[in-house]
Amino acid sequence: MPLTKTNKEEIIQTALTVFRKNGYYNTSMSDLATACGLQKGSFYHYFASKEILMSEVLKTVQSYLEYAVFSIATETGLSPRGKMEKMLLKLGKALLSQEGGCIVGNTTLEVAAQTVIFKDTLKAIFDAWKNAMKTIYMEEYPEGTAGRLAEQSVMEFEGAVMFSQLYETDQYLKDVFVRTLSKMK
């Protein structure tokens, strides 16, 4: 196989697609090298391990979500319901529009009982999601209620993602979207 000229950012984007499709444990360094057009030995020049690569993939996802999705919670000029709708639609597009489903939820399920270097990044992503939703809910509810609603909404969305994949229908996601918006006045 001829060597492909690449860089870390391109590898991270390709790895995101491969991990999303195959999962963390079902993806080998050979799978990743092949997807990137590199020989396995050359791949280690960029990332010393699959765990380090996944850590970088999730940090990239985290940065994108915080910049482009969760920041919607503090936008001005939108009603709380408008913010929630915009954020959830953008979140759905970012996390669910590609084969394999939600990289954050799927990876969390795979590694929850394991000790991996990227577990704190997964927690940080979910915490940022809960905080963004809490910020929106606080425009209409007291802080404690807003926090509980935010946590319940995130859990319900992730459950809906799993059911949608298992039963091969997006109706669960549509339903949770409607239920979440119905909590907004």
Protein backbone atom coordinates (compact mmCIF):
# COMPACT_ATOMS: atom_id res chain seq x y z
CA MET A 1 0.00 0.00 0.00
CA PRO A 2 1.45 3.40 -0.90
CA LEU A 3 1.87 5.81 1.98
CA THR A 4 -0.64 8.61 2.12
CA LYS A 5 0.36 12.07 3.17
CA THR A 6 -1.76 13.02 6.16
CA ASN A 7 -1.75 14.91 9.43
CA LYS A 8 -3.10 14.39 12.94
CA GLU A 9 -6.33 16.31 12.29
CA GLU A 10 -7.18 14.16 9.26
CA ILE A 11 -6.43 11.00 11.23
CA ILE A 12 -8.69 12.18 14.06
CA GLN A 13 -11.57 12.83 11.65
CA THR A 14 -11.13 9.45 9.96
CA ALA A 15 -10.82 7.70 13.32
CA LEU A 16 -14.04 9.36 14.49
CA THR A 17 -15.87 7.75 11.57
CA VAL A 18 -14.29 4.34 12.19
CA PHE A 19 -14.89 4.40 15.97
CA ARG A 20 -18.46 5.57 15.45
CA LYS A 21 -19.14 2.69 13.08
CA ASN A 22 -17.21 -0.12 14.79
CA GLY A 23 -16.98 0.96 18.42
CA TYR A 24 -13.85 1.40 20.48
CA TYR A 25 -13.07 -2.22 21.31
CA ASN A 26 -14.00 -3.57 17.88
CA THR A 27 -11.59 -1.20 16.15
CA SER A 28 -7.96 -2.22 15.80
CA MET A 29 -4.95 -0.07 15.07
CA SER A 30 -4.76 -1.92 11.73
CA ASP A 31 -8.35 -0.86 10.95
CA LEU A 32 -7.46 2.74 11.73
CA ALA A 33 -4.23 2.66 9.72
CA THR A 34 -6.01 1.16 6.72
CA ALA A 35 -8.81 3.74 6.89
CA CYS A 36 -6.18 6.50 6.96
CA GLY A 37 -4.18 4.99 4.09
CA LEU A 38 -1.17 4.36 6.29
CA GLN A 39 0.90 1.35 7.13
CA LYS A 40 0.37 0.24 10.72
CA GLY A 41 3.96 1.11 11.68
CA SER A 42 3.58 4.60 10.24
CA PHE A 43 0.37 5.09 12.18
CA TYR A 44 2.25 4.85 15.48
CA HIS A 45 4.27 7.88 14.41
CA TYR A 46 1.13 9.95 14.91
CA PHE A 47 -0.49 8.16 17.87
CA ALA A 48 1.26 5.78 20.26
CA SER A 49 -1.93 3.87 21.10
CA LYS A 50 -5.58 3.48 20.26
CA GLU A 51 -6.46 4.88 23.69
CA ILE A 52 -4.51 8.08 23.04
CA LEU A 53 -6.15 8.43 19.62
CA MET A 54 -9.64 7.94 21.09
CA SER A 55 -8.82 10.54 23.72
CA GLU A 56 -7.98 13.03 20.96
CA VAL A 57 -11.10 12.08 18.98
CA LEU A 58 -13.32 12.74 22.00
CA LYS A 59 -11.55 16.02 22.81
CA THR A 60 -12.26 17.11 19.23
CA VAL A 61 -15.93 16.16 19.63
CA GLN A 62 -16.02 17.99 22.98
CA SER A 63 -14.54 21.16 21.49
CA TYR A 64 -17.00 21.15 18.62
CA LEU A 65 -20.00 20.57 20.89
CA GLU A 66 -19.00 23.29 23.31
CA TYR A 67 -18.34 25.81 20.52
CA ALA A 68 -21.13 25.04 18.07
CA VAL A 69 -23.90 23.38 20.09
CA PHE A 70 -23.84 24.02 23.84
CA SER A 71 -23.08 27.69 23.34
CA ILE A 72 -26.60 28.08 21.94
CA ALA A 73 -27.83 28.02 25.56
CA THR A 74 -26.43 31.51 26.13
CA GLU A 75 -27.39 33.08 22.81
CA THR A 76 -29.49 36.21 22.97
CA GLY A 77 -32.52 36.94 20.85
CA LEU A 78 -34.11 33.50 21.17
CA SER A 79 -36.81 32.35 23.55
CA PRO A 80 -35.90 29.49 25.89
CA ARG A 81 -37.95 27.14 23.71
CA GLY A 82 -36.19 28.46 20.60
CA LYS A 83 -32.78 27.87 22.19
CA MET A 84 -33.72 24.35 23.25
CA GLU A 85 -35.07 23.47 19.83
CA LYS A 86 -32.04 24.90 18.03
CA MET A 87 -29.59 23.18 20.37
CA LEU A 88 -31.29 19.79 20.18
CA LEU A 89 -31.56 19.87 16.40
CA LYS A 90 -27.89 20.78 16.07
CA LEU A 91 -26.90 18.17 18.65
CA GLY A 92 -28.86 15.51 16.80
CA LYS A 93 -27.18 16.42 13.55
CA ALA A 94 -23.72 16.37 15.14
CA LEU A 95 -24.07 13.13 17.07
CA LEU A 96 -26.65 11.05 15.24
CA SER A 97 -26.61 11.84 11.55
CA GLN A 98 -23.87 9.37 10.65
CA GLU A 99 -23.76 5.60 10.68
CA GLY A 100 -23.12 4.19 14.13
CA GLY A 101 -25.08 6.66 16.22
CA CYS A 102 -23.81 8.73 19.11
CA ILE A 103 -20.05 8.35 19.54
CA VAL A 104 -20.26 9.77 23.07
CA GLY A 105 -23.05 7.49 24.29
CA ASN A 106 -21.76 4.39 22.52
CA THR A 107 -18.22 4.85 23.83
CA THR A 108 -19.52 5.52 27.34
CA LEU A 109 -21.45 2.23 27.30
CA GLU A 110 -18.37 0.38 26.08
CA VAL A 111 -15.90 1.73 28.64
CA ALA A 112 -18.04 2.64 31.66
CA ALA A 113 -16.64 -0.20 33.78
CA GLN A 114 -13.07 0.20 32.46
CA THR A 115 -10.24 2.52 33.38
CA VAL A 116 -9.36 4.51 30.28
CA ILE A 117 -7.67 7.89 29.93
CA PHE A 118 -10.62 9.41 28.10
CA LYS A 119 -13.32 8.62 30.68
CA ASP A 120 -13.05 12.14 32.15
CA THR A 121 -13.59 13.61 28.67
CA LEU A 122 -16.79 11.59 28.31
CA LYS A 123 -17.98 12.89 31.69
CA ALA A 124 -17.07 16.44 30.69
CA ILE A 125 -19.12 16.17 27.49
CA PHE A 126 -22.18 14.97 29.38
CA ASP A 127 -21.65 17.60 32.08
CA ALA A 128 -21.44 20.36 29.45
CA TRP A 129 -24.62 19.04 27.79
CA LYS A 130 -26.46 18.97 31.15
CA ASN A 131 -25.19 22.47 32.00
CA ALA A 132 -26.32 23.87 28.66
CA MET A 133 -29.78 22.42 29.12
CA LYS A 134 -29.89 23.61 32.74
CA THR A 135 -29.01 27.13 31.57
CA ILE A 136 -32.01 27.10 29.26
CA TYR A 137 -34.35 25.51 31.78
CA MET A 138 -33.31 28.12 34.39
CA GLU A 139 -35.00 30.77 32.28
CA GLU A 140 -38.31 29.15 33.26
CA TYR A 141 -37.65 27.04 36.37
CA PRO A 142 -35.83 27.37 39.70
CA GLU A 143 -32.21 26.18 39.64
CA GLY A 144 -32.82 22.84 41.39
CA THR A 145 -35.72 21.96 39.11
CA ALA A 146 -33.74 23.09 36.06
CA GLY A 147 -30.84 20.84 37.03
CA ARG A 148 -33.07 17.81 37.47
CA LEU A 149 -34.88 18.46 34.18
CA ALA A 150 -31.55 18.82 32.38
CA GLU A 151 -30.19 15.57 33.78
CA GLN A 152 -33.43 13.71 33.00
CA SER A 153 -33.48 15.10 29.46
CA VAL A 154 -29.91 14.02 28.70
CA MET A 155 -30.57 10.54 30.07
CA GLU A 156 -33.80 10.27 28.11
CA PHE A 157 -32.09 11.35 24.89
CA GLU A 158 -29.34 8.77 25.28
CA GLY A 159 -31.93 6.08 26.03
CA ALA A 160 -33.87 7.12 22.95
CA VAL A 161 -30.68 6.83 20.87
CA MET A 162 -30.21 3.25 22.06
CA PHE A 163 -33.83 2.32 21.41
CA SER A 164 -33.73 3.96 17.98
CA GLN A 165 -30.72 1.88 17.03
CA LEU A 166 -32.08 -1.34 18.51
CA TYR A 167 -35.54 -1.04 16.98
CA GLU A 168 -34.31 0.69 13.81
CA THR A 169 -36.70 3.62 14.02
CA ASP A 170 -36.14 7.28 14.79
CA GLN A 171 -39.56 7.59 16.44
CA TYR A 172 -38.01 7.37 19.92
CA LEU A 173 -35.85 10.39 19.15
CA LYS A 174 -38.76 12.32 17.73
CA ASP A 175 -40.80 11.55 20.83
CA VAL A 176 -38.10 12.67 23.28
CA PHE A 177 -37.57 15.85 21.25
CA VAL A 178 -41.30 16.67 21.56
CA ARG A 179 -41.37 15.78 25.27
CA THR A 180 -38.34 17.97 25.98
CA LEU A 181 -39.81 20.93 24.14
CA SER A 182 -43.13 20.45 25.94
CA LYS A 183 -41.35 21.31 29.20
CA MET A 184 -40.68 24.78 27.80
CA LYS A 185 -43.41 27.38 28.13
